[in-house]
Amino acid sequence: MIRGILALLFVVIFLIVSIVLIPIAYLIGLFSRHARDVYAQALVAWGFKVIGFISGAKVTEKGREKLPRGEAALYVANHRSIFDIVLLDARIPAPTAIISKKEIKMIPMLNWWMVLKNCKFLDRKDLKQNLKIILECIEAAKNGQTILIYPEGTRSKAESELEMAPFKEGSMKIALKSGVKVVPVALHGTRELLEKHFPFIRSAKVTISYGDPIDPKTLDKEQQKHLGEICREQILEMLKEENK
């Protein structure tokens, strides 16, 4: 109970202080878009790390040395908890745009931070709008924007860490059309923080495993058609390692 109250209190304070921090970001953006992106990423990542600390998330990272540096990438992860975004976004070594559901856009102040981070909002019922978002992400990736997606489309509520929904192949077009590398990410243990005993937050061990980056240009046409499944299989293997 205490962890949940403290985490909520921190979020409220952070969003209130954002009334000052957000205009500063826009002011910086008048001179440098990149500097604005770095500023927004740094503040949001710091906030996420504080929430993770308060919540008692004991995070172990594996394979971090594999992460692309100095270039855009598409990070692809399994989705088990609301903490997936909190813990992973704070650790990606580049300003990162998250593809999220449109409902998040309704949260005051948080929506402005997501706009500053160049995030995109999907309407699961509007296929035409979703295609538009994918096309925008392709252009953003071409221009150096790192992107984080959860291609299952929604959080898995399965008891087993190994149960994942099929990955939506349409989201893989971001990498296929832009040429950026794909980084599969396996999130293990995040559901133990909240969802398994909602509404209480409890300390838990979390492992974030980074797979070998996949260069879509090295894949043949058949492999490109199934890039989502290739990522899913790599993530599944990493999850199996943690379940041993």
C-alpha atoms as a PDB file:
ATOM      1  CA  MET A   1       0.000   0.000   0.000  1.00  0.00           C
ATOM      2  CA  ILE A   2       2.789   2.436   0.987  1.00  0.00           C
ATOM      3  CA  ARG A   3       4.656   1.885  -2.288  1.00  0.00           C
ATOM      4  CA  GLY A   4       1.525   2.613  -4.300  1.00  0.00           C
ATOM      5  CA  ILE A   5       0.773   5.797  -2.359  1.00  0.00           C
ATOM      6  CA  LEU A   6       4.349   7.063  -2.696  1.00  0.00           C
ATOM      7  CA  ALA A   7       4.469   6.258  -6.412  1.00  0.00           C
ATOM      8  CA  LEU A   8       1.153   8.025  -7.018  1.00  0.00           C
ATOM      9  CA  LEU A   9       2.276  11.017  -4.951  1.00  0.00           C
ATOM     10  CA  PHE A  10       5.495  11.287  -6.961  1.00  0.00           C
ATOM     11  CA  VAL A  11       3.580  11.140 -10.257  1.00  0.00           C
ATOM     12  CA  VAL A  12       1.225  13.914  -9.103  1.00  0.00           C
ATOM     13  CA  ILE A  13       4.143  16.125  -7.990  1.00  0.00           C
ATOM     14  CA  PHE A  14       6.044  15.456 -11.227  1.00  0.00           C
ATOM     15  CA  LEU A  15       3.028  16.394 -13.344  1.00  0.00           C
ATOM     16  CA  ILE A  16       2.486  19.582 -11.322  1.00  0.00           C
ATOM     17  CA  VAL A  17       6.137  20.588 -11.724  1.00  0.00           C
ATOM     18  CA  SER A  18       5.717  19.839 -15.429  1.00  0.00           C
ATOM     19  CA  ILE A  19       3.740  23.076 -15.701  1.00  0.00           C
ATOM     20  CA  VAL A  20       7.167  24.745 -15.551  1.00  0.00           C
ATOM     21  CA  LEU A  21       9.293  22.045 -17.206  1.00  0.00           C
ATOM     22  CA  ILE A  22       7.197  21.643 -20.362  1.00  0.00           C
ATOM     23  CA  PRO A  23       7.385  25.309 -21.474  1.00  0.00           C
ATOM     24  CA  ILE A  24      11.169  25.096 -21.022  1.00  0.00           C
ATOM     25  CA  ALA A  25      11.174  22.138 -23.407  1.00  0.00           C
ATOM     26  CA  TYR A  26       9.286  24.109 -26.035  1.00  0.00           C
ATOM     27  CA  LEU A  27      11.666  27.041 -25.586  1.00  0.00           C
ATOM     28  CA  ILE A  28      14.646  24.736 -26.140  1.00  0.00           C
ATOM     29  CA  GLY A  29      12.901  23.362 -29.222  1.00  0.00           C
ATOM     30  CA  LEU A  30      12.894  26.820 -30.811  1.00  0.00           C
ATOM     31  CA  PHE A  31      16.670  26.549 -31.087  1.00  0.00           C
ATOM     32  CA  SER A  32      17.244  22.791 -31.433  1.00  0.00           C
ATOM     33  CA  ARG A  33      14.765  19.977 -31.973  1.00  0.00           C
ATOM     34  CA  HIS A  34      17.388  17.404 -30.982  1.00  0.00           C
ATOM     35  CA  ALA A  35      18.209  19.239 -27.733  1.00  0.00           C
ATOM     36  CA  ARG A  36      14.477  19.325 -26.929  1.00  0.00           C
ATOM     37  CA  ASP A  37      14.203  15.578 -27.517  1.00  0.00           C
ATOM     38  CA  VAL A  38      17.215  14.887 -25.283  1.00  0.00           C
ATOM     39  CA  TYR A  39      15.800  17.161 -22.556  1.00  0.00           C
ATOM     40  CA  ALA A  40      12.389  15.471 -22.633  1.00  0.00           C
ATOM     41  CA  GLN A  41      13.886  11.970 -22.675  1.00  0.00           C
ATOM     42  CA  ALA A  42      16.206  12.746 -19.763  1.00  0.00           C
ATOM     43  CA  LEU A  43      13.442  14.124 -17.536  1.00  0.00           C
ATOM     44  CA  VAL A  44      10.929  11.392 -18.346  1.00  0.00           C
ATOM     45  CA  ALA A  45      13.589   8.677 -17.926  1.00  0.00           C
ATOM     46  CA  TRP A  46      14.540  10.151 -14.542  1.00  0.00           C
ATOM     47  CA  GLY A  47      10.893  10.187 -13.496  1.00  0.00           C
ATOM     48  CA  PHE A  48      10.424   6.590 -14.603  1.00  0.00           C
ATOM     49  CA  LYS A  49      13.533   5.497 -12.696  1.00  0.00           C
ATOM     50  CA  VAL A  50      12.248   7.142  -9.524  1.00  0.00           C
ATOM     51  CA  ILE A  51       8.906   5.361  -9.925  1.00  0.00           C
ATOM     52  CA  GLY A  52      10.747   2.075 -10.440  1.00  0.00           C
ATOM     53  CA  PHE A  53      12.823   2.681  -7.298  1.00  0.00           C
ATOM     54  CA  ILE A  54       9.793   3.594  -5.184  1.00  0.00           C
ATOM     55  CA  SER A  55       7.947   0.537  -6.496  1.00  0.00           C
ATOM     56  CA  GLY A  56      10.780  -1.774  -5.491  1.00  0.00           C
ATOM     57  CA  ALA A  57      11.677  -2.952  -8.985  1.00  0.00           C
ATOM     58  CA  LYS A  58      15.047  -4.706  -8.774  1.00  0.00           C
ATOM     59  CA  VAL A  59      16.110  -4.576 -12.416  1.00  0.00           C
ATOM     60  CA  THR A  60      18.799  -6.718 -14.023  1.00  0.00           C
ATOM     61  CA  GLU A  61      19.757  -5.968 -17.632  1.00  0.00           C
ATOM     62  CA  LYS A  62      21.256  -8.591 -19.912  1.00  0.00           C
ATOM     63  CA  GLY A  63      22.826  -7.967 -23.307  1.00  0.00           C
ATOM     64  CA  ARG A  64      22.930  -4.188 -22.988  1.00  0.00           C
ATOM     65  CA  GLU A  65      26.241  -4.152 -24.834  1.00  0.00           C
ATOM     66  CA  LYS A  66      24.357  -5.227 -27.971  1.00  0.00           C
ATOM     67  CA  LEU A  67      22.281  -2.046 -28.209  1.00  0.00           C
ATOM     68  CA  PRO A  68      22.823   0.153 -31.282  1.00  0.00           C
ATOM     69  CA  ARG A  69      24.527   3.460 -30.526  1.00  0.00           C
ATOM     70  CA  GLY A  70      24.448   6.588 -32.622  1.00  0.00           C
ATOM     71  CA  GLU A  71      21.668   5.321 -34.872  1.00  0.00           C
ATOM     72  CA  ALA A  72      17.913   4.910 -34.773  1.00  0.00           C
ATOM     73  CA  ALA A  73      16.432   1.513 -33.936  1.00  0.00           C
ATOM     74  CA  LEU A  74      13.080  -0.181 -33.476  1.00  0.00           C
ATOM     75  CA  TYR A  75      12.744  -1.770 -30.031  1.00  0.00           C
ATOM     76  CA  VAL A  76      10.219  -4.619 -29.937  1.00  0.00           C
ATOM     77  CA  ALA A  77       9.116  -6.015 -26.555  1.00  0.00           C
ATOM     78  CA  ASN A  78       6.595  -8.374 -24.990  1.00  0.00           C
ATOM     79  CA  HIS A  79       3.914  -6.674 -22.903  1.00  0.00           C
ATOM     80  CA  ARG A  80       2.903  -7.882 -19.434  1.00  0.00           C
ATOM     81  CA  SER A  81       2.507  -4.797 -17.269  1.00  0.00           C
ATOM     82  CA  ILE A  82       2.075  -1.046 -17.141  1.00  0.00           C
ATOM     83  CA  PHE A  83       5.595  -1.104 -15.687  1.00  0.00           C
ATOM     84  CA  ASP A  84       6.976  -2.356 -19.027  1.00  0.00           C
ATOM     85  CA  ILE A  85       7.028   1.203 -20.358  1.00  0.00           C
ATOM     86  CA  VAL A  86       8.255   2.687 -17.070  1.00  0.00           C
ATOM     87  CA  LEU A  87      11.248   0.353 -16.768  1.00  0.00           C
ATOM     88  CA  LEU A  88      12.235  -0.059 -20.417  1.00  0.00           C
ATOM     89  CA  ASP A  89      11.865   3.482 -21.764  1.00  0.00           C
ATOM     90  CA  ALA A  90      14.119   4.759 -18.970  1.00  0.00           C
ATOM     91  CA  ARG A  91      16.931   2.481 -20.162  1.00  0.00           C
ATOM     92  CA  ILE A  92      16.959   2.901 -23.938  1.00  0.00           C
ATOM     93  CA  PRO A  93      20.092   4.939 -24.803  1.00  0.00           C
ATOM     94  CA  ALA A  94      18.371   7.394 -27.173  1.00  0.00           C
ATOM     95  CA  PRO A  95      15.375   9.734 -27.220  1.00  0.00           C
ATOM     96  CA  THR A  96      12.553   7.270 -27.790  1.00  0.00           C
ATOM     97  CA  ALA A  97       9.063   7.594 -29.237  1.00  0.00           C
ATOM     98  CA  ILE A  98       6.563   5.088 -27.864  1.00  0.00           C
ATOM     99  CA  ILE A  99       3.600   3.802 -29.851  1.00  0.00           C
ATOM    100  CA  SER A 100       0.774   3.812 -27.324  1.00  0.00           C
ATOM    101  CA  LYS A 101      -2.996   3.438 -27.189  1.00  0.00           C
ATOM    102  CA  LYS A 102      -4.974   6.645 -27.716  1.00  0.00           C
ATOM    103  CA  GLU A 103      -6.447   6.568 -24.188  1.00  0.00           C
ATOM    104  CA  ILE A 104      -3.082   7.689 -22.769  1.00  0.00           C
ATOM    105  CA  LYS A 105      -3.464  10.932 -24.701  1.00  0.00           C
ATOM    106  CA  MET A 106      -6.335  11.881 -22.386  1.00  0.00           C
ATOM    107  CA  ILE A 107      -4.134  12.097 -19.255  1.00  0.00           C
ATOM    108  CA  PRO A 108      -3.334  15.793 -18.546  1.00  0.00           C
ATOM    109  CA  MET A 109       0.353  16.793 -18.602  1.00  0.00           C
ATOM    110  CA  LEU A 110       1.474  13.231 -19.317  1.00  0.00           C
ATOM    111  CA  ASN A 111       0.093  13.644 -22.835  1.00  0.00           C
ATOM    112  CA  TRP A 112       2.284  16.721 -23.344  1.00  0.00           C
ATOM    113  CA  TRP A 113       5.399  14.801 -22.310  1.00  0.00           C
ATOM    114  CA  MET A 114       4.489  12.075 -24.790  1.00  0.00           C
ATOM    115  CA  VAL A 115       4.032  14.651 -27.538  1.00  0.00           C
ATOM    116  CA  LEU A 116       7.437  16.089 -26.668  1.00  0.00           C
ATOM    117  CA  LYS A 117       8.891  12.578 -26.969  1.00  0.00           C
ATOM    118  CA  ASN A 118       7.303  12.286 -30.428  1.00  0.00           C
ATOM    119  CA  CYS A 119       5.071   9.418 -29.292  1.00  0.00           C
ATOM    120  CA  LYS A 120       2.238   8.142 -31.490  1.00  0.00           C
ATOM    121  CA  PHE A 121      -1.246   7.174 -30.391  1.00  0.00           C
ATOM    122  CA  LEU A 122      -3.112   4.261 -31.960  1.00  0.00           C
ATOM    123  CA  ASP A 123      -6.861   3.757 -32.167  1.00  0.00           C
ATOM    124  CA  ARG A 124      -7.251  -0.021 -32.274  1.00  0.00           C
ATOM    125  CA  LYS A 125     -10.625   0.326 -34.007  1.00  0.00           C
ATOM    126  CA  ASP A 126      -9.445   2.682 -36.768  1.00  0.00           C
ATOM    127  CA  LEU A 127      -7.303   0.753 -39.252  1.00  0.00           C
ATOM    128  CA  LYS A 128      -6.930   3.737 -41.568  1.00  0.00           C
ATOM    129  CA  GLN A 129      -5.590   5.897 -38.752  1.00  0.00           C
ATOM    130  CA  ASN A 130      -3.243   3.115 -37.657  1.00  0.00           C
ATOM    131  CA  LEU A 131      -1.793   2.895 -41.157  1.00  0.00           C
ATOM    132  CA  LYS A 132      -1.194   6.641 -41.068  1.00  0.00           C
ATOM    133  CA  ILE A 133       0.658   6.270 -37.763  1.00  0.00           C
ATOM    134  CA  ILE A 134       2.859   3.497 -39.182  1.00  0.00           C
ATOM    135  CA  LEU A 135       3.739   5.675 -42.178  1.00  0.00           C
ATOM    136  CA  GLU A 136       4.618   8.556 -39.847  1.00  0.00           C
ATOM    137  CA  CYS A 137       6.833   6.224 -37.810  1.00  0.00           C
ATOM    138  CA  ILE A 138       8.613   5.057 -40.952  1.00  0.00           C
ATOM    139  CA  GLU A 139       9.479   8.640 -41.840  1.00  0.00           C
ATOM    140  CA  ALA A 140      10.512   9.399 -38.256  1.00  0.00           C
ATOM    141  CA  ALA A 141      12.818   6.362 -38.166  1.00  0.00           C
ATOM    142  CA  LYS A 142      14.371   7.420 -41.469  1.00  0.00           C
ATOM    143  CA  ASN A 143      15.110  10.775 -39.829  1.00  0.00           C
ATOM    144  CA  GLY A 144      16.856   9.166 -36.842  1.00  0.00           C
ATOM    145  CA  GLN A 145      14.003   8.591 -34.369  1.00  0.00           C
ATOM    146  CA  THR A 146      14.265   5.514 -32.142  1.00  0.00           C
ATOM    147  CA  ILE A 147      10.874   3.874 -31.591  1.00  0.00           C
ATOM    148  CA  LEU A 148       9.526   1.437 -28.979  1.00  0.00           C
ATOM    149  CA  ILE A 149       6.573  -0.820 -29.784  1.00  0.00           C
ATOM    150  CA  TYR A 150       4.678  -3.661 -28.102  1.00  0.00           C
ATOM    151  CA  PRO A 151       3.462  -5.611 -31.159  1.00  0.00           C
ATOM    152  CA  GLU A 152       1.121  -7.906 -29.224  1.00  0.00           C
ATOM    153  CA  GLY A 153      -1.211  -4.907 -29.249  1.00  0.00           C
ATOM    154  CA  THR A 154      -2.234  -5.202 -25.603  1.00  0.00           C
ATOM    155  CA  ARG A 155      -0.961  -6.512 -22.284  1.00  0.00           C
ATOM    156  CA  SER A 156      -0.925 -10.276 -21.808  1.00  0.00           C
ATOM    157  CA  LYS A 157      -2.924 -11.433 -18.775  1.00  0.00           C
ATOM    158  CA  ALA A 158      -1.679 -15.019 -18.954  1.00  0.00           C
ATOM    159  CA  GLU A 159      -0.173 -16.538 -15.825  1.00  0.00           C
ATOM    160  CA  SER A 160       2.845 -17.897 -17.686  1.00  0.00           C
ATOM    161  CA  GLU A 161       5.609 -15.543 -18.783  1.00  0.00           C
ATOM    162  CA  LEU A 162       5.924 -17.688 -21.911  1.00  0.00           C
ATOM    163  CA  GLU A 163       2.433 -16.996 -23.233  1.00  0.00           C
ATOM    164  CA  MET A 164       2.472 -14.203 -25.801  1.00  0.00           C
ATOM    165  CA  ALA A 165      -0.055 -13.166 -28.401  1.00  0.00           C
ATOM    166  CA  PRO A 166       1.085 -13.176 -32.052  1.00  0.00           C
ATOM    167  CA  PHE A 167       3.101 -10.108 -33.008  1.00  0.00           C
ATOM    168  CA  LYS A 168       1.375  -7.823 -35.501  1.00  0.00           C
ATOM    169  CA  GLU A 169       3.471  -7.953 -38.667  1.00  0.00           C
ATOM    170  CA  GLY A 170       2.199  -4.548 -39.797  1.00  0.00           C
ATOM    171  CA  SER A 171       4.211  -2.813 -37.091  1.00  0.00           C
ATOM    172  CA  MET A 172       7.385  -4.393 -38.492  1.00  0.00           C
ATOM    173  CA  LYS A 173       7.055  -2.236 -41.591  1.00  0.00           C
ATOM    174  CA  ILE A 174       8.606   0.560 -39.545  1.00  0.00           C
ATOM    175  CA  ALA A 175      11.924  -1.271 -39.724  1.00  0.00           C
ATOM    176  CA  LEU A 176      11.427  -2.869 -43.142  1.00  0.00           C
ATOM    177  CA  LYS A 177      10.671   0.438 -44.864  1.00  0.00           C
ATOM    178  CA  SER A 178      13.097   2.635 -42.944  1.00  0.00           C
ATOM    179  CA  GLY A 179      16.013   0.189 -42.800  1.00  0.00           C
ATOM    180  CA  VAL A 180      16.663   0.589 -39.045  1.00  0.00           C
ATOM    181  CA  LYS A 181      17.713  -2.378 -36.944  1.00  0.00           C
ATOM    182  CA  VAL A 182      15.201  -4.218 -34.768  1.00  0.00           C
ATOM    183  CA  VAL A 183      16.083  -4.950 -31.141  1.00  0.00           C
ATOM    184  CA  PRO A 184      13.974  -7.724 -29.526  1.00  0.00           C
ATOM    185  CA  VAL A 185      13.497  -7.147 -25.793  1.00  0.00           C
ATOM    186  CA  ALA A 186      12.250  -9.728 -23.271  1.00  0.00           C
ATOM    187  CA  LEU A 187      10.643  -8.308 -20.126  1.00  0.00           C
ATOM    188  CA  HIS A 188      10.453 -10.855 -17.315  1.00  0.00           C
ATOM    189  CA  GLY A 189       8.828 -10.321 -13.910  1.00  0.00           C
ATOM    190  CA  THR A 190       7.115  -6.962 -14.483  1.00  0.00           C
ATOM    191  CA  ARG A 191       3.651  -8.393 -13.783  1.00  0.00           C
ATOM    192  CA  GLU A 192       4.826  -9.261 -10.275  1.00  0.00           C
ATOM    193  CA  LEU A 193       5.043  -5.565  -9.446  1.00  0.00           C
ATOM    194  CA  LEU A 194       1.354  -4.726  -9.851  1.00  0.00           C
ATOM    195  CA  GLU A 195      -0.956  -6.766 -12.060  1.00  0.00           C
ATOM    196  CA  LYS A 196      -0.603 -10.031 -10.159  1.00  0.00           C
ATOM    197  CA  HIS A 197      -1.981  -8.425  -6.970  1.00  0.00           C
ATOM    198  CA  PHE A 198      -3.662  -5.244  -8.228  1.00  0.00           C
ATOM    199  CA  PRO A 199      -4.127  -2.580  -6.831  1.00  0.00           C
ATOM    200  CA  PHE A 200      -1.099  -3.155  -4.574  1.00  0.00           C
ATOM    201  CA  ILE A 201       2.483  -2.545  -5.701  1.00  0.00           C
ATOM    202  CA  ARG A 202       5.040  -5.010  -4.362  1.00  0.00           C
ATOM    203  CA  SER A 203       8.776  -5.279  -4.786  1.00  0.00           C
ATOM    204  CA  ALA A 204       9.895  -7.754  -7.467  1.00  0.00           C
ATOM    205  CA  LYS A 205      12.906  -8.882  -9.447  1.00  0.00           C
ATOM    206  CA  VAL A 206      12.705  -7.835 -13.084  1.00  0.00           C
ATOM    207  CA  THR A 207      14.980  -8.893 -15.921  1.00  0.00           C
ATOM    208  CA  ILE A 208      15.300  -6.942 -19.150  1.00  0.00           C
ATOM    209  CA  SER A 209      17.072  -9.047 -21.793  1.00  0.00           C
ATOM    210  CA  TYR A 210      18.173  -7.507 -25.094  1.00  0.00           C
ATOM    211  CA  GLY A 211      18.435  -9.828 -28.068  1.00  0.00           C
ATOM    212  CA  ASP A 212      20.750  -9.593 -31.055  1.00  0.00           C
ATOM    213  CA  PRO A 213      19.756  -6.625 -33.243  1.00  0.00           C
ATOM    214  CA  ILE A 214      18.194  -7.730 -36.529  1.00  0.00           C
ATOM    215  CA  ASP A 215      19.155  -5.854 -39.678  1.00  0.00           C
ATOM    216  CA  PRO A 216      16.137  -6.197 -42.011  1.00  0.00           C
ATOM    217  CA  LYS A 217      18.372  -5.647 -45.031  1.00  0.00           C
ATOM    218  CA  THR A 218      20.052  -8.996 -44.345  1.00  0.00           C
ATOM    219  CA  LEU A 219      16.774 -10.930 -44.452  1.00  0.00           C
ATOM    220  CA  ASP A 220      15.356 -12.559 -47.557  1.00  0.00           C
ATOM    221  CA  LYS A 221      11.818 -11.718 -48.713  1.00  0.00           C
ATOM    222  CA  GLU A 222      10.226 -14.645 -46.903  1.00  0.00           C
ATOM    223  CA  GLN A 223      11.949 -13.755 -43.631  1.00  0.00           C
ATOM    224  CA  GLN A 224      10.885 -10.126 -44.006  1.00  0.00           C
ATOM    225  CA  LYS A 225       7.256 -11.245 -44.233  1.00  0.00           C
ATOM    226  CA  HIS A 226       7.636 -12.924 -40.845  1.00  0.00           C
ATOM    227  CA  LEU A 227       9.914 -10.449 -39.063  1.00  0.00           C
ATOM    228  CA  GLY A 228       7.412 -10.114 -36.212  1.00  0.00           C
ATOM    229  CA  GLU A 229       7.430 -13.864 -35.637  1.00  0.00           C
ATOM    230  CA  ILE A 230      11.241 -13.923 -35.790  1.00  0.00           C
ATOM    231  CA  CYS A 231      11.325 -11.275 -33.024  1.00  0.00           C
ATOM    232  CA  ARG A 232       8.705 -13.157 -31.030  1.00  0.00           C
ATOM    233  CA  GLU A 233      10.716 -16.386 -31.180  1.00  0.00           C
ATOM    234  CA  GLN A 234      13.876 -14.622 -30.041  1.00  0.00           C
ATOM    235  CA  ILE A 235      12.004 -13.010 -27.131  1.00  0.00           C
ATOM    236  CA  LEU A 236      10.457 -16.361 -26.227  1.00  0.00           C
ATOM    237  CA  GLU A 237      13.903 -17.982 -26.055  1.00  0.00           C
ATOM    238  CA  MET A 238      15.143 -15.253 -23.714  1.00  0.00           C
ATOM    239  CA  LEU A 239      12.076 -15.698 -21.492  1.00  0.00           C
ATOM    240  CA  LYS A 240      12.687 -19.447 -21.364  1.00  0.00           C
ATOM    241  CA  GLU A 241      16.218 -18.768 -20.123  1.00  0.00           C
ATOM    242  CA  GLU A 242      14.800 -16.709 -17.238  1.00  0.00           C
ATOM    243  CA  ASN A 243      12.237 -19.405 -16.411  1.00  0.00           C
ATOM    244  CA  LYS A 244      14.867 -22.099 -15.892  1.00  0.00           C
END
